[in-house]
Amino acid sequence: MEDSRFLELIKNITRYFDKEMNKKDESDFLKEIENHPAGQNAFLKEKSIRAKLKNNLYRPVHSENLAEQIKQQIKSASKNPN
């Protein structure tokens, strides 16, 4: 029984960080995490991992009109299928 509860907490940790919960579910989840030491550790670990990824992920700078350029290339490619 404890294992299934922990697995549900892990699933909810992912949902929380992926912003798939509404405000009420978030607050209920955070209250539940406070009462589950292993879940709290998993929550903090996931939070740390996501922070490191966010801070260290390389995101190339692109021009403001990149989307428009891609759209134009798609249009010209569809007009000239060769």
PDB file of N, CA and C in Angstrom:
ATOM      1  N   MET A   1       0.824  -1.199   0.000  1.00  0.00           N
ATOM      2  CA  MET A   1       0.000   0.000   0.000  1.00  0.00           C
ATOM      3  C   MET A   1       0.863   1.254   0.000  1.00  0.00           C
ATOM      4  N   GLU A   2       1.916   1.260   0.821  1.00  0.00           N
ATOM      5  CA  GLU A   2       2.810   2.403   0.901  1.00  0.00           C
ATOM      6  C   GLU A   2       3.499   2.645  -0.440  1.00  0.00           C
ATOM      7  N   ASP A   3       3.868   1.570  -1.139  1.00  0.00           N
ATOM      8  CA  ASP A   3       4.527   1.722  -2.441  1.00  0.00           C
ATOM      9  C   ASP A   3       3.608   2.391  -3.455  1.00  0.00           C
ATOM     10  N   SER A   4       2.350   2.024  -3.477  1.00  0.00           N
ATOM     11  CA  SER A   4       1.429   2.636  -4.433  1.00  0.00           C
ATOM     12  C   SER A   4       1.204   4.108  -4.097  1.00  0.00           C
ATOM     13  N   ARG A   5       1.185   4.452  -2.814  1.00  0.00           N
ATOM     14  CA  ARG A   5       1.046   5.858  -2.411  1.00  0.00           C
ATOM     15  C   ARG A   5       2.273   6.654  -2.851  1.00  0.00           C
ATOM     16  N   PHE A   6       3.459   6.063  -2.668  1.00  0.00           N
ATOM     17  CA  PHE A   6       4.688   6.739  -3.075  1.00  0.00           C
ATOM     18  C   PHE A   6       4.732   6.916  -4.591  1.00  0.00           C
ATOM     19  N   LEU A   7       4.331   5.905  -5.339  1.00  0.00           N
ATOM     20  CA  LEU A   7       4.310   6.017  -6.798  1.00  0.00           C
ATOM     21  C   LEU A   7       3.344   7.106  -7.250  1.00  0.00           C
ATOM     22  N   GLU A   8       2.224   7.227  -6.559  1.00  0.00           N
ATOM     23  CA  GLU A   8       1.264   8.289  -6.872  1.00  0.00           C
ATOM     24  C   GLU A   8       1.873   9.659  -6.573  1.00  0.00           C
ATOM     25  N   LEU A   9       2.627   9.757  -5.482  1.00  0.00           N
ATOM     26  CA  LEU A   9       3.315  11.012  -5.165  1.00  0.00           C
ATOM     27  C   LEU A   9       4.329  11.379  -6.241  1.00  0.00           C
ATOM     28  N   ILE A  10       5.068  10.394  -6.706  1.00  0.00           N
ATOM     29  CA  ILE A  10       6.057  10.631  -7.765  1.00  0.00           C
ATOM     30  C   ILE A  10       5.359  11.142  -9.025  1.00  0.00           C
ATOM     31  N   LYS A  11       4.242  10.532  -9.377  1.00  0.00           N
ATOM     32  CA  LYS A  11       3.479  10.970 -10.545  1.00  0.00           C
ATOM     33  C   LYS A  11       3.000  12.414 -10.351  1.00  0.00           C
ATOM     34  N   ASN A  12       2.544  12.720  -9.148  1.00  0.00           N
ATOM     35  CA  ASN A  12       2.064  14.068  -8.865  1.00  0.00           C
ATOM     36  C   ASN A  12       3.197  15.091  -8.820  1.00  0.00           C
ATOM     37  N   ILE A  13       4.383  14.667  -8.422  1.00  0.00           N
ATOM     38  CA  ILE A  13       5.541  15.569  -8.465  1.00  0.00           C
ATOM     39  C   ILE A  13       5.781  16.004  -9.908  1.00  0.00           C
ATOM     40  N   THR A  14       5.739  15.070 -10.812  1.00  0.00           N
ATOM     41  CA  THR A  14       5.924  15.386 -12.228  1.00  0.00           C
ATOM     42  C   THR A  14       4.815  16.302 -12.717  1.00  0.00           C
ATOM     43  N   ARG A  15       3.590  15.991 -12.370  1.00  0.00           N
ATOM     44  CA  ARG A  15       2.467  16.839 -12.777  1.00  0.00           C
ATOM     45  C   ARG A  15       2.613  18.249 -12.215  1.00  0.00           C
ATOM     46  N   TYR A  16       3.074  18.353 -10.973  1.00  0.00           N
ATOM     47  CA  TYR A  16       3.257  19.660 -10.345  1.00  0.00           C
ATOM     48  C   TYR A  16       4.278  20.496 -11.104  1.00  0.00           C
ATOM     49  N   PHE A  17       5.445  19.931 -11.375  1.00  0.00           N
ATOM     50  CA  PHE A  17       6.493  20.686 -12.047  1.00  0.00           C
ATOM     51  C   PHE A  17       6.190  20.923 -13.525  1.00  0.00           C
ATOM     52  N   ASP A  18       5.370  20.084 -14.117  1.00  0.00           N
ATOM     53  CA  ASP A  18       4.960  20.294 -15.507  1.00  0.00           C
ATOM     54  C   ASP A  18       3.753  21.227 -15.610  1.00  0.00           C
ATOM     55  N   LYS A  19       3.312  21.746 -14.470  1.00  0.00           N
ATOM     56  CA  LYS A  19       2.193  22.692 -14.374  1.00  0.00           C
ATOM     57  C   LYS A  19       0.904  22.104 -14.949  1.00  0.00           C
ATOM     58  N   GLU A  20       0.657  20.839 -14.622  1.00  0.00           N
ATOM     59  CA  GLU A  20      -0.544  20.148 -15.084  1.00  0.00           C
ATOM     60  C   GLU A  20      -1.636  20.109 -14.011  1.00  0.00           C
ATOM     61  N   MET A  21      -1.431  20.826 -12.907  1.00  0.00           N
ATOM     62  CA  MET A  21      -2.401  20.828 -11.809  1.00  0.00           C
ATOM     63  C   MET A  21      -3.078  22.187 -11.722  1.00  0.00           C
ATOM     64  N   ASN A  22      -4.336  22.164 -11.288  1.00  0.00           N
ATOM     65  CA  ASN A  22      -4.990  23.434 -10.990  1.00  0.00           C
ATOM     66  C   ASN A  22      -4.558  23.874  -9.585  1.00  0.00           C
ATOM     67  N   LYS A  23      -4.945  25.079  -9.184  1.00  0.00           N
ATOM     68  CA  LYS A  23      -4.482  25.647  -7.912  1.00  0.00           C
ATOM     69  C   LYS A  23      -4.887  24.796  -6.705  1.00  0.00           C
ATOM     70  N   LYS A  24      -6.096  24.269  -6.712  1.00  0.00           N
ATOM     71  CA  LYS A  24      -6.546  23.461  -5.580  1.00  0.00           C
ATOM     72  C   LYS A  24      -5.741  22.171  -5.479  1.00  0.00           C
ATOM     73  N   ASP A  25      -5.535  21.511  -6.626  1.00  0.00           N
ATOM     74  CA  ASP A  25      -4.732  20.287  -6.630  1.00  0.00           C
ATOM     75  C   ASP A  25      -3.308  20.565  -6.167  1.00  0.00           C
ATOM     76  N   GLU A  26      -2.749  21.703  -6.578  1.00  0.00           N
ATOM     77  CA  GLU A  26      -1.397  22.071  -6.142  1.00  0.00           C
ATOM     78  C   GLU A  26      -1.326  22.218  -4.637  1.00  0.00           C
ATOM     79  N   SER A  27      -2.275  22.951  -4.063  1.00  0.00           N
ATOM     80  CA  SER A  27      -2.229  23.164  -2.613  1.00  0.00           C
ATOM     81  C   SER A  27      -2.443  21.849  -1.858  1.00  0.00           C
ATOM     82  N   ASP A  28      -3.359  21.002  -2.332  1.00  0.00           N
ATOM     83  CA  ASP A  28      -3.573  19.691  -1.702  1.00  0.00           C
ATOM     84  C   ASP A  28      -2.309  18.841  -1.798  1.00  0.00           C
ATOM     85  N   PHE A  29      -1.670  18.875  -2.940  1.00  0.00           N
ATOM     86  CA  PHE A  29      -0.449  18.101  -3.152  1.00  0.00           C
ATOM     87  C   PHE A  29       0.667  18.572  -2.226  1.00  0.00           C
ATOM     88  N   LEU A  30       0.855  19.889  -2.119  1.00  0.00           N
ATOM     89  CA  LEU A  30       1.916  20.416  -1.264  1.00  0.00           C
ATOM     90  C   LEU A  30       1.674  20.067   0.203  1.00  0.00           C
ATOM     91  N   LYS A  31       0.418  20.057   0.626  1.00  0.00           N
ATOM     92  CA  LYS A  31       0.099  19.637   1.997  1.00  0.00           C
ATOM     93  C   LYS A  31       0.430  18.162   2.197  1.00  0.00           C
ATOM     94  N   GLU A  32       0.121  17.350   1.182  1.00  0.00           N
ATOM     95  CA  GLU A  32       0.401  15.915   1.270  1.00  0.00           C
ATOM     96  C   GLU A  32       1.901  15.645   1.320  1.00  0.00           C
ATOM     97  N   ILE A  33       2.665  16.377   0.542  1.00  0.00           N
ATOM     98  CA  ILE A  33       4.120  16.204   0.505  1.00  0.00           C
ATOM     99  C   ILE A  33       4.736  16.498   1.873  1.00  0.00           C
ATOM    100  N   GLU A  34       4.193  17.481   2.589  1.00  0.00           N
ATOM    101  CA  GLU A  34       4.717  17.837   3.914  1.00  0.00           C
ATOM    102  C   GLU A  34       4.654  16.656   4.882  1.00  0.00           C
ATOM    103  N   ASN A  35       3.701  15.771   4.694  1.00  0.00           N
ATOM    104  CA  ASN A  35       3.497  14.647   5.607  1.00  0.00           C
ATOM    105  C   ASN A  35       4.143  13.356   5.126  1.00  0.00           C
ATOM    106  N   HIS A  36       4.936  13.411   4.091  1.00  0.00           N
ATOM    107  CA  HIS A  36       5.539  12.205   3.532  1.00  0.00           C
ATOM    108  C   HIS A  36       7.032  12.466   3.316  1.00  0.00           C
ATOM    109  N   PRO A  37       7.891  12.047   4.260  1.00  0.00           N
ATOM    110  CA  PRO A  37       9.327  12.365   4.168  1.00  0.00           C
ATOM    111  C   PRO A  37       9.988  11.881   2.872  1.00  0.00           C
ATOM    112  N   ALA A  38       9.688  10.680   2.435  1.00  0.00           N
ATOM    113  CA  ALA A  38      10.297  10.174   1.199  1.00  0.00           C
ATOM    114  C   ALA A  38       9.801  10.972   0.003  1.00  0.00           C
ATOM    115  N   GLY A  39       8.525  11.336   0.016  1.00  0.00           N
ATOM    116  CA  GLY A  39       7.974  12.161  -1.052  1.00  0.00           C
ATOM    117  C   GLY A  39       8.592  13.541  -1.053  1.00  0.00           C
ATOM    118  N   GLN A  40       8.849  14.065   0.134  1.00  0.00           N
ATOM    119  CA  GLN A  40       9.471  15.381   0.257  1.00  0.00           C
ATOM    120  C   GLN A  40      10.888  15.357  -0.320  1.00  0.00           C
ATOM    121  N   ASN A  41      11.628  14.292  -0.035  1.00  0.00           N
ATOM    122  CA  ASN A  41      12.977  14.151  -0.598  1.00  0.00           C
ATOM    123  C   ASN A  41      12.935  14.059  -2.120  1.00  0.00           C
ATOM    124  N   ALA A  42      11.987  13.286  -2.641  1.00  0.00           N
ATOM    125  CA  ALA A  42      11.853  13.148  -4.094  1.00  0.00           C
ATOM    126  C   ALA A  42      11.465  14.483  -4.716  1.00  0.00           C
ATOM    127  N   PHE A  43      10.600  15.238  -4.048  1.00  0.00           N
ATOM    128  CA  PHE A  43      10.173  16.553  -4.522  1.00  0.00           C
ATOM    129  C   PHE A  43      11.372  17.498  -4.613  1.00  0.00           C
ATOM    130  N   LEU A  44      12.175  17.549  -3.542  1.00  0.00           N
ATOM    131  CA  LEU A  44      13.340  18.439  -3.521  1.00  0.00           C
ATOM    132  C   LEU A  44      14.386  18.035  -4.563  1.00  0.00           C
ATOM    133  N   LYS A  45      14.552  16.740  -4.757  1.00  0.00           N
ATOM    134  CA  LYS A  45      15.500  16.252  -5.760  1.00  0.00           C
ATOM    135  C   LYS A  45      15.052  16.651  -7.167  1.00  0.00           C
ATOM    136  N   GLU A  46      13.763  16.464  -7.457  1.00  0.00           N
ATOM    137  CA  GLU A  46      13.218  16.839  -8.773  1.00  0.00           C
ATOM    138  C   GLU A  46      13.331  18.344  -8.986  1.00  0.00           C
ATOM    139  N   LYS A  47      13.068  19.106  -7.944  1.00  0.00           N
ATOM    140  CA  LYS A  47      13.175  20.565  -8.028  1.00  0.00           C
ATOM    141  C   LYS A  47      14.611  20.976  -8.345  1.00  0.00           C
ATOM    142  N   SER A  48      15.565  20.338  -7.695  1.00  0.00           N
ATOM    143  CA  SER A  48      16.982  20.629  -7.927  1.00  0.00           C
ATOM    144  C   SER A  48      17.405  20.264  -9.349  1.00  0.00           C
ATOM    145  N   ILE A  49      16.984  19.103  -9.806  1.00  0.00           N
ATOM    146  CA  ILE A  49      17.332  18.655 -11.159  1.00  0.00           C
ATOM    147  C   ILE A  49      16.772  19.617 -12.200  1.00  0.00           C
ATOM    148  N   ARG A  50      15.514  19.996 -12.041  1.00  0.00           N
ATOM    149  CA  ARG A  50      14.894  20.906 -13.007  1.00  0.00           C
ATOM    150  C   ARG A  50      15.541  22.285 -12.985  1.00  0.00           C
ATOM    151  N   ALA A  51      15.954  22.743 -11.816  1.00  0.00           N
ATOM    152  CA  ALA A  51      16.637  24.042 -11.727  1.00  0.00           C
ATOM    153  C   ALA A  51      17.979  23.988 -12.447  1.00  0.00           C
ATOM    154  N   LYS A  52      18.728  22.897 -12.264  1.00  0.00           N
ATOM    155  CA  LYS A  52      20.016  22.749 -12.952  1.00  0.00           C
ATOM    156  C   LYS A  52      19.824  22.700 -14.457  1.00  0.00           C
ATOM    157  N   LEU A  53      18.825  21.952 -14.910  1.00  0.00           N
ATOM    158  CA  LEU A  53      18.555  21.872 -16.344  1.00  0.00           C
ATOM    159  C   LEU A  53      18.195  23.247 -16.904  1.00  0.00           C
ATOM    160  N   LYS A  54      17.351  23.961 -16.194  1.00  0.00           N
ATOM    161  CA  LYS A  54      16.914  25.273 -16.655  1.00  0.00           C
ATOM    162  C   LYS A  54      18.092  26.240 -16.743  1.00  0.00           C
ATOM    163  N   ASN A  55      18.972  26.198 -15.754  1.00  0.00           N
ATOM    164  CA  ASN A  55      20.100  27.124 -15.719  1.00  0.00           C
ATOM    165  C   ASN A  55      21.217  26.758 -16.683  1.00  0.00           C
ATOM    166  N   ASN A  56      21.355  25.488 -16.993  1.00  0.00           N
ATOM    167  CA  ASN A  56      22.480  25.045 -17.821  1.00  0.00           C
ATOM    168  C   ASN A  56      22.106  24.667 -19.245  1.00  0.00           C
ATOM    169  N   LEU A  57      20.853  24.751 -19.584  1.00  0.00           N
ATOM    170  CA  LEU A  57      20.411  24.385 -20.920  1.00  0.00           C
ATOM    171  C   LEU A  57      20.782  25.479 -21.910  1.00  0.00           C
ATOM    172  N   TYR A  58      21.436  25.110 -22.972  1.00  0.00           N
ATOM    173  CA  TYR A  58      21.817  26.074 -24.002  1.00  0.00           C
ATOM    174  C   TYR A  58      20.628  26.325 -24.910  1.00  0.00           C
ATOM    175  N   ARG A  59      20.264  27.568 -25.002  1.00  0.00           N
ATOM    176  CA  ARG A  59      19.167  27.963 -25.894  1.00  0.00           C
ATOM    177  C   ARG A  59      19.709  28.999 -26.856  1.00  0.00           C
ATOM    178  N   PRO A  60      19.898  28.615 -28.104  1.00  0.00           N
ATOM    179  CA  PRO A  60      20.457  29.572 -29.063  1.00  0.00           C
ATOM    180  C   PRO A  60      19.520  30.758 -29.280  1.00  0.00           C
ATOM    181  N   VAL A  61      20.129  31.894 -29.460  1.00  0.00           N
ATOM    182  CA  VAL A  61      19.364  33.105 -29.724  1.00  0.00           C
ATOM    183  C   VAL A  61      18.911  33.073 -31.176  1.00  0.00           C
ATOM    184  N   HIS A  62      17.681  33.441 -31.417  1.00  0.00           N
ATOM    185  CA  HIS A  62      17.177  33.480 -32.784  1.00  0.00           C
ATOM    186  C   HIS A  62      16.569  34.844 -33.044  1.00  0.00           C
ATOM    187  N   SER A  63      16.515  35.168 -34.301  1.00  0.00           N
ATOM    188  CA  SER A  63      15.984  36.479 -34.667  1.00  0.00           C
ATOM    189  C   SER A  63      14.479  36.518 -34.438  1.00  0.00           C
ATOM    190  N   GLU A  64      13.956  37.719 -34.314  1.00  0.00           N
ATOM    191  CA  GLU A  64      12.535  37.890 -34.053  1.00  0.00           C
ATOM    192  C   GLU A  64      11.668  37.397 -35.205  1.00  0.00           C
ATOM    193  N   ASN A  65      12.200  37.409 -36.405  1.00  0.00           N
ATOM    194  CA  ASN A  65      11.400  37.005 -37.557  1.00  0.00           C
ATOM    195  C   ASN A  65      11.676  35.570 -37.999  1.00  0.00           C
ATOM    196  N   LEU A  66      12.254  34.760 -37.110  1.00  0.00           N
ATOM    197  CA  LEU A  66      12.562  33.375 -37.458  1.00  0.00           C
ATOM    198  C   LEU A  66      11.301  32.607 -37.841  1.00  0.00           C
ATOM    199  N   ALA A  67      10.238  32.757 -37.080  1.00  0.00           N
ATOM    200  CA  ALA A  67       8.989  32.045 -37.390  1.00  0.00           C
ATOM    201  C   ALA A  67       8.479  32.447 -38.762  1.00  0.00           C
ATOM    202  N   GLU A  68       8.547  33.722 -39.074  1.00  0.00           N
ATOM    203  CA  GLU A  68       8.084  34.198 -40.382  1.00  0.00           C
ATOM    204  C   GLU A  68       8.941  33.632 -41.513  1.00  0.00           C
ATOM    205  N   GLN A  69      10.255  33.541 -41.305  1.00  0.00           N
ATOM    206  CA  GLN A  69      11.139  32.966 -42.313  1.00  0.00           C
ATOM    207  C   GLN A  69      10.807  31.498 -42.558  1.00  0.00           C
ATOM    208  N   ILE A  70      10.544  30.774 -41.504  1.00  0.00           N
ATOM    209  CA  ILE A  70      10.187  29.358 -41.640  1.00  0.00           C
ATOM    210  C   ILE A  70       8.875  29.206 -42.398  1.00  0.00           C
ATOM    211  N   LYS A  71       7.892  30.039 -42.082  1.00  0.00           N
ATOM    212  CA  LYS A  71       6.616  29.995 -42.785  1.00  0.00           C
ATOM    213  C   LYS A  71       6.806  30.263 -44.277  1.00  0.00           C
ATOM    214  N   GLN A  72       7.635  31.243 -44.613  1.00  0.00           N
ATOM    215  CA  GLN A  72       7.887  31.568 -46.009  1.00  0.00           C
ATOM    216  C   GLN A  72       8.567  30.405 -46.730  1.00  0.00           C
ATOM    217  N   GLN A  73       9.514  29.745 -46.068  1.00  0.00           N
ATOM    218  CA  GLN A  73      10.180  28.589 -46.673  1.00  0.00           C
ATOM    219  C   GLN A  73       9.191  27.451 -46.918  1.00  0.00           C
ATOM    220  N   ILE A  74       8.285  27.253 -45.978  1.00  0.00           N
ATOM    221  CA  ILE A  74       7.278  26.197 -46.140  1.00  0.00           C
ATOM    222  C   ILE A  74       6.361  26.530 -47.299  1.00  0.00           C
ATOM    223  N   LYS A  75       5.938  27.779 -47.406  1.00  0.00           N
ATOM    224  CA  LYS A  75       5.061  28.183 -48.505  1.00  0.00           C
ATOM    225  C   LYS A  75       5.756  28.013 -49.848  1.00  0.00           C
ATOM    226  N   SER A  76       7.003  28.439 -49.925  1.00  0.00           N
ATOM    227  CA  SER A  76       7.708  28.310 -51.207  1.00  0.00           C
ATOM    228  C   SER A  76       7.985  26.849 -51.537  1.00  0.00           C
ATOM    229  N   ALA A  77       8.225  26.025 -50.542  1.00  0.00           N
ATOM    230  CA  ALA A  77       8.453  24.605 -50.778  1.00  0.00           C
ATOM    231  C   ALA A  77       7.175  23.918 -51.243  1.00  0.00           C
ATOM    232  N   SER A  78       6.024  24.351 -50.721  1.00  0.00           N
ATOM    233  CA  SER A  78       4.769  23.732 -51.147  1.00  0.00           C
ATOM    234  C   SER A  78       4.374  24.174 -52.550  1.00  0.00           C
ATOM    235  N   LYS A  79       4.803  25.369 -52.970  1.00  0.00           N
ATOM    236  CA  LYS A  79       4.527  25.846 -54.327  1.00  0.00           C
ATOM    237  C   LYS A  79       5.429  25.149 -55.342  1.00  0.00           C
ATOM    238  N   ASN A  80       6.645  24.838 -54.922  1.00  0.00           N
ATOM    239  CA  ASN A  80       7.616  24.185 -55.788  1.00  0.00           C
ATOM    240  C   ASN A  80       8.015  22.844 -55.180  1.00  0.00           C
ATOM    241  N   PRO A  81       7.239  21.790 -55.380  1.00  0.00           N
ATOM    242  CA  PRO A  81       7.506  20.510 -54.727  1.00  0.00           C
ATOM    243  C   PRO A  81       8.748  19.791 -55.248  1.00  0.00           C
ATOM    244  N   ASN A  82       9.426  20.304 -56.238  1.00  0.00           N
ATOM    245  CA  ASN A  82      10.612  19.628 -56.800  1.00  0.00           C
ATOM    246  C   ASN A  82      11.721  19.671 -55.878  1.00  0.00           C
TER     247      ASN A  82
END
